[in-house]
Amino acid sequence: MRFLAIFFQALGYLWLAVVGIVIVMGITGLGSKDGFSAVQKLLSPFNLPNLVVTLLTLAPGIGFLLLADIFKQKIKSKLFF
């Protein structure tokens, strides 16, 4: 169980780091190619498709971190009983 907790935590942080870097690189590339107005349109709070795609991209990393937390709680509950 402890191995799974560590594995899923590492995988979650790795996923979020890689996806974060890819998102920042995409925004930077868009800004250098199409200018600041394109970045404003992309990051607009009314751009719901971008929000949905970003959340779907980040969801596995968040899920891995939640799963690691569940395993850690199970480990702690077994230690006290």
N, C-alpha and C. Protein backbone atom coordinates (compact mmCIF):
# COMPACT_ATOMS: atom_id res chain seq x y z
N MET A 1 0.81 -1.19 0.00
CA MET A 1 0.00 0.00 0.00
C MET A 1 0.86 1.26 0.00
N ARG A 2 1.94 1.23 0.77
CA ARG A 2 2.80 2.41 0.86
C ARG A 2 3.44 2.69 -0.49
N PHE A 3 3.82 1.63 -1.21
CA PHE A 3 4.40 1.82 -2.54
C PHE A 3 3.40 2.46 -3.48
N LEU A 4 2.14 2.01 -3.43
CA LEU A 4 1.11 2.58 -4.30
C LEU A 4 0.87 4.06 -3.98
N ALA A 5 0.88 4.40 -2.71
CA ALA A 5 0.68 5.80 -2.32
C ALA A 5 1.80 6.67 -2.87
N ILE A 6 3.03 6.21 -2.73
CA ILE A 6 4.17 6.98 -3.23
C ILE A 6 4.15 7.03 -4.75
N PHE A 7 3.82 5.90 -5.39
CA PHE A 7 3.78 5.84 -6.85
C PHE A 7 2.74 6.79 -7.42
N PHE A 8 1.52 6.77 -6.88
CA PHE A 8 0.46 7.62 -7.41
C PHE A 8 0.72 9.09 -7.10
N GLN A 9 1.35 9.38 -5.98
CA GLN A 9 1.68 10.76 -5.67
C GLN A 9 2.74 11.28 -6.64
N ALA A 10 3.76 10.50 -6.88
CA ALA A 10 4.80 10.90 -7.83
C ALA A 10 4.22 11.04 -9.24
N LEU A 11 3.37 10.10 -9.63
CA LEU A 11 2.76 10.16 -10.95
C LEU A 11 1.85 11.39 -11.08
N GLY A 12 1.13 11.70 -10.03
CA GLY A 12 0.26 12.88 -10.06
C GLY A 12 1.04 14.17 -10.20
N TYR A 13 2.10 14.32 -9.40
CA TYR A 13 2.92 15.52 -9.50
C TYR A 13 3.63 15.61 -10.86
N LEU A 14 4.09 14.47 -11.35
CA LEU A 14 4.74 14.45 -12.66
C LEU A 14 3.76 14.86 -13.75
N TRP A 15 2.54 14.31 -13.70
CA TRP A 15 1.51 14.65 -14.70
C TRP A 15 1.22 16.15 -14.67
N LEU A 16 1.00 16.70 -13.48
CA LEU A 16 0.68 18.12 -13.37
C LEU A 16 1.84 19.00 -13.82
N ALA A 17 3.06 18.60 -13.54
CA ALA A 17 4.22 19.38 -13.97
C ALA A 17 4.35 19.38 -15.49
N VAL A 18 4.23 18.20 -16.10
CA VAL A 18 4.38 18.11 -17.55
C VAL A 18 3.25 18.86 -18.25
N VAL A 19 2.03 18.67 -17.79
CA VAL A 19 0.89 19.34 -18.40
C VAL A 19 1.00 20.85 -18.20
N GLY A 20 1.44 21.28 -17.02
CA GLY A 20 1.63 22.71 -16.79
C GLY A 20 2.65 23.32 -17.72
N ILE A 21 3.74 22.61 -17.93
CA ILE A 21 4.78 23.10 -18.85
C ILE A 21 4.24 23.16 -20.26
N VAL A 22 3.49 22.15 -20.68
CA VAL A 22 2.93 22.13 -22.03
C VAL A 22 1.92 23.27 -22.22
N ILE A 23 1.11 23.54 -21.21
CA ILE A 23 0.13 24.63 -21.31
C ILE A 23 0.85 25.98 -21.41
N VAL A 24 1.86 26.18 -20.59
CA VAL A 24 2.61 27.45 -20.64
C VAL A 24 3.33 27.59 -21.98
N MET A 25 3.90 26.50 -22.49
CA MET A 25 4.55 26.55 -23.80
C MET A 25 3.55 26.88 -24.91
N GLY A 26 2.36 26.33 -24.82
CA GLY A 26 1.33 26.62 -25.81
C GLY A 26 0.90 28.07 -25.78
N ILE A 27 0.71 28.61 -24.59
CA ILE A 27 0.34 30.02 -24.46
C ILE A 27 1.46 30.92 -24.98
N THR A 28 2.70 30.57 -24.65
CA THR A 28 3.85 31.35 -25.11
C THR A 28 3.97 31.29 -26.63
N GLY A 29 3.80 30.12 -27.20
CA GLY A 29 3.86 29.98 -28.66
C GLY A 29 2.76 30.76 -29.35
N LEU A 30 1.56 30.72 -28.78
CA LEU A 30 0.45 31.47 -29.35
C LEU A 30 0.73 32.97 -29.27
N GLY A 31 1.29 33.40 -28.14
CA GLY A 31 1.60 34.82 -28.00
C GLY A 31 2.67 35.28 -28.96
N SER A 32 3.67 34.45 -29.20
CA SER A 32 4.73 34.86 -30.12
C SER A 32 4.29 34.80 -31.58
N LYS A 33 3.35 33.92 -31.88
CA LYS A 33 2.90 33.79 -33.27
C LYS A 33 1.80 34.78 -33.62
N ASP A 34 0.77 34.86 -32.77
CA ASP A 34 -0.42 35.65 -33.11
C ASP A 34 -0.56 36.92 -32.29
N GLY A 35 0.28 37.13 -31.30
CA GLY A 35 0.24 38.36 -30.53
C GLY A 35 -0.56 38.25 -29.25
N PHE A 36 -0.57 39.36 -28.52
CA PHE A 36 -1.17 39.39 -27.20
C PHE A 36 -2.69 39.28 -27.26
N SER A 37 -3.30 39.77 -28.31
CA SER A 37 -4.76 39.70 -28.40
C SER A 37 -5.24 38.26 -28.49
N ALA A 38 -4.47 37.39 -29.14
CA ALA A 38 -4.84 35.97 -29.21
C ALA A 38 -4.74 35.31 -27.84
N VAL A 39 -3.74 35.71 -27.06
CA VAL A 39 -3.59 35.18 -25.70
C VAL A 39 -4.76 35.66 -24.84
N GLN A 40 -5.17 36.91 -25.01
CA GLN A 40 -6.32 37.42 -24.27
C GLN A 40 -7.58 36.64 -24.61
N LYS A 41 -7.77 36.34 -25.88
CA LYS A 41 -8.96 35.56 -26.29
C LYS A 41 -8.90 34.15 -25.72
N LEU A 42 -7.71 33.56 -25.70
CA LEU A 42 -7.56 32.21 -25.18
C LEU A 42 -7.83 32.14 -23.69
N LEU A 43 -7.33 33.12 -22.95
CA LEU A 43 -7.45 33.10 -21.49
C LEU A 43 -8.68 33.82 -20.98
N SER A 44 -9.57 34.20 -21.88
CA SER A 44 -10.80 34.87 -21.47
C SER A 44 -11.65 33.94 -20.59
N PRO A 45 -12.27 34.47 -19.54
CA PRO A 45 -13.12 33.62 -18.70
C PRO A 45 -14.38 33.15 -19.43
N PHE A 46 -14.70 33.76 -20.57
CA PHE A 46 -15.86 33.36 -21.34
C PHE A 46 -15.54 32.31 -22.39
N ASN A 47 -14.28 31.89 -22.47
CA ASN A 47 -13.85 30.86 -23.40
C ASN A 47 -14.04 29.49 -22.73
N LEU A 48 -15.27 29.02 -22.72
CA LEU A 48 -15.59 27.78 -22.02
C LEU A 48 -14.95 26.53 -22.62
N PRO A 49 -14.84 26.41 -23.95
CA PRO A 49 -14.15 25.21 -24.46
C PRO A 49 -12.72 25.08 -23.96
N ASN A 50 -12.00 26.19 -23.87
CA ASN A 50 -10.64 26.14 -23.35
C ASN A 50 -10.63 25.71 -21.89
N LEU A 51 -11.56 26.22 -21.10
CA LEU A 51 -11.65 25.84 -19.70
C LEU A 51 -11.91 24.34 -19.54
N VAL A 52 -12.84 23.82 -20.34
CA VAL A 52 -13.19 22.40 -20.25
C VAL A 52 -12.00 21.53 -20.65
N VAL A 53 -11.33 21.89 -21.73
CA VAL A 53 -10.18 21.10 -22.19
C VAL A 53 -9.04 21.16 -21.17
N THR A 54 -8.81 22.32 -20.58
CA THR A 54 -7.76 22.45 -19.57
C THR A 54 -8.08 21.59 -18.35
N LEU A 55 -9.32 21.63 -17.90
CA LEU A 55 -9.70 20.81 -16.74
C LEU A 55 -9.61 19.32 -17.06
N LEU A 56 -10.00 18.92 -18.26
CA LEU A 56 -9.89 17.51 -18.64
C LEU A 56 -8.43 17.08 -18.74
N THR A 57 -7.55 17.99 -19.11
CA THR A 57 -6.13 17.67 -19.20
C THR A 57 -5.51 17.54 -17.81
N LEU A 58 -5.94 18.38 -16.88
CA LEU A 58 -5.39 18.35 -15.52
C LEU A 58 -6.04 17.27 -14.64
N ALA A 59 -7.20 16.76 -15.03
CA ALA A 59 -7.97 15.83 -14.20
C ALA A 59 -7.21 14.55 -13.82
N PRO A 60 -6.49 13.89 -14.73
CA PRO A 60 -5.79 12.68 -14.30
C PRO A 60 -4.75 12.93 -13.20
N GLY A 61 -4.03 14.04 -13.28
CA GLY A 61 -3.04 14.35 -12.24
C GLY A 61 -3.69 14.59 -10.90
N ILE A 62 -4.80 15.31 -10.90
CA ILE A 62 -5.54 15.54 -9.67
C ILE A 62 -6.11 14.23 -9.14
N GLY A 63 -6.59 13.38 -10.04
CA GLY A 63 -7.11 12.07 -9.64
C GLY A 63 -6.03 11.19 -9.01
N PHE A 64 -4.83 11.22 -9.59
CA PHE A 64 -3.72 10.44 -9.01
C PHE A 64 -3.38 10.93 -7.61
N LEU A 65 -3.39 12.25 -7.41
CA LEU A 65 -3.09 12.79 -6.08
C LEU A 65 -4.18 12.42 -5.08
N LEU A 66 -5.43 12.43 -5.51
CA LEU A 66 -6.51 12.02 -4.61
C LEU A 66 -6.40 10.54 -4.27
N LEU A 67 -6.05 9.73 -5.25
CA LEU A 67 -5.88 8.30 -5.01
C LEU A 67 -4.72 8.04 -4.05
N ALA A 68 -3.64 8.78 -4.20
CA ALA A 68 -2.51 8.65 -3.27
C ALA A 68 -2.93 9.04 -1.86
N ASP A 69 -3.76 10.06 -1.73
CA ASP A 69 -4.24 10.48 -0.41
C ASP A 69 -5.13 9.40 0.21
N ILE A 70 -5.94 8.75 -0.60
CA ILE A 70 -6.79 7.66 -0.10
C ILE A 70 -5.92 6.51 0.42
N PHE A 71 -4.87 6.16 -0.31
CA PHE A 71 -3.98 5.09 0.14
C PHE A 71 -3.25 5.48 1.42
N LYS A 72 -2.85 6.76 1.53
CA LYS A 72 -2.17 7.20 2.75
C LYS A 72 -3.11 7.14 3.95
N GLN A 73 -4.38 7.49 3.75
CA GLN A 73 -5.34 7.40 4.84
C GLN A 73 -5.57 5.95 5.26
N LYS A 74 -5.59 5.04 4.30
CA LYS A 74 -5.75 3.62 4.64
C LYS A 74 -4.54 3.11 5.41
N ILE A 75 -3.36 3.57 5.05
CA ILE A 75 -2.15 3.16 5.77
C ILE A 75 -2.20 3.67 7.21
N LYS A 76 -2.61 4.92 7.39
CA LYS A 76 -2.69 5.49 8.74
C LYS A 76 -3.74 4.78 9.58
N SER A 77 -4.87 4.43 8.97
CA SER A 77 -5.93 3.77 9.74
C SER A 77 -5.51 2.36 10.16
N LYS A 78 -4.71 1.69 9.35
CA LYS A 78 -4.23 0.35 9.71
C LYS A 78 -3.17 0.42 10.80
N LEU A 79 -2.41 1.50 10.86
CA LEU A 79 -1.38 1.61 11.88
C LEU A 79 -1.98 1.80 13.27
N PHE A 80 -3.14 2.43 13.36
CA PHE A 80 -3.74 2.71 14.66
C PHE A 80 -4.64 1.58 15.16
N PHE A 81 -4.98 0.66 14.32
CA PHE A 81 -5.86 -0.43 14.77
C PHE A 81 -5.12 -1.74 14.83
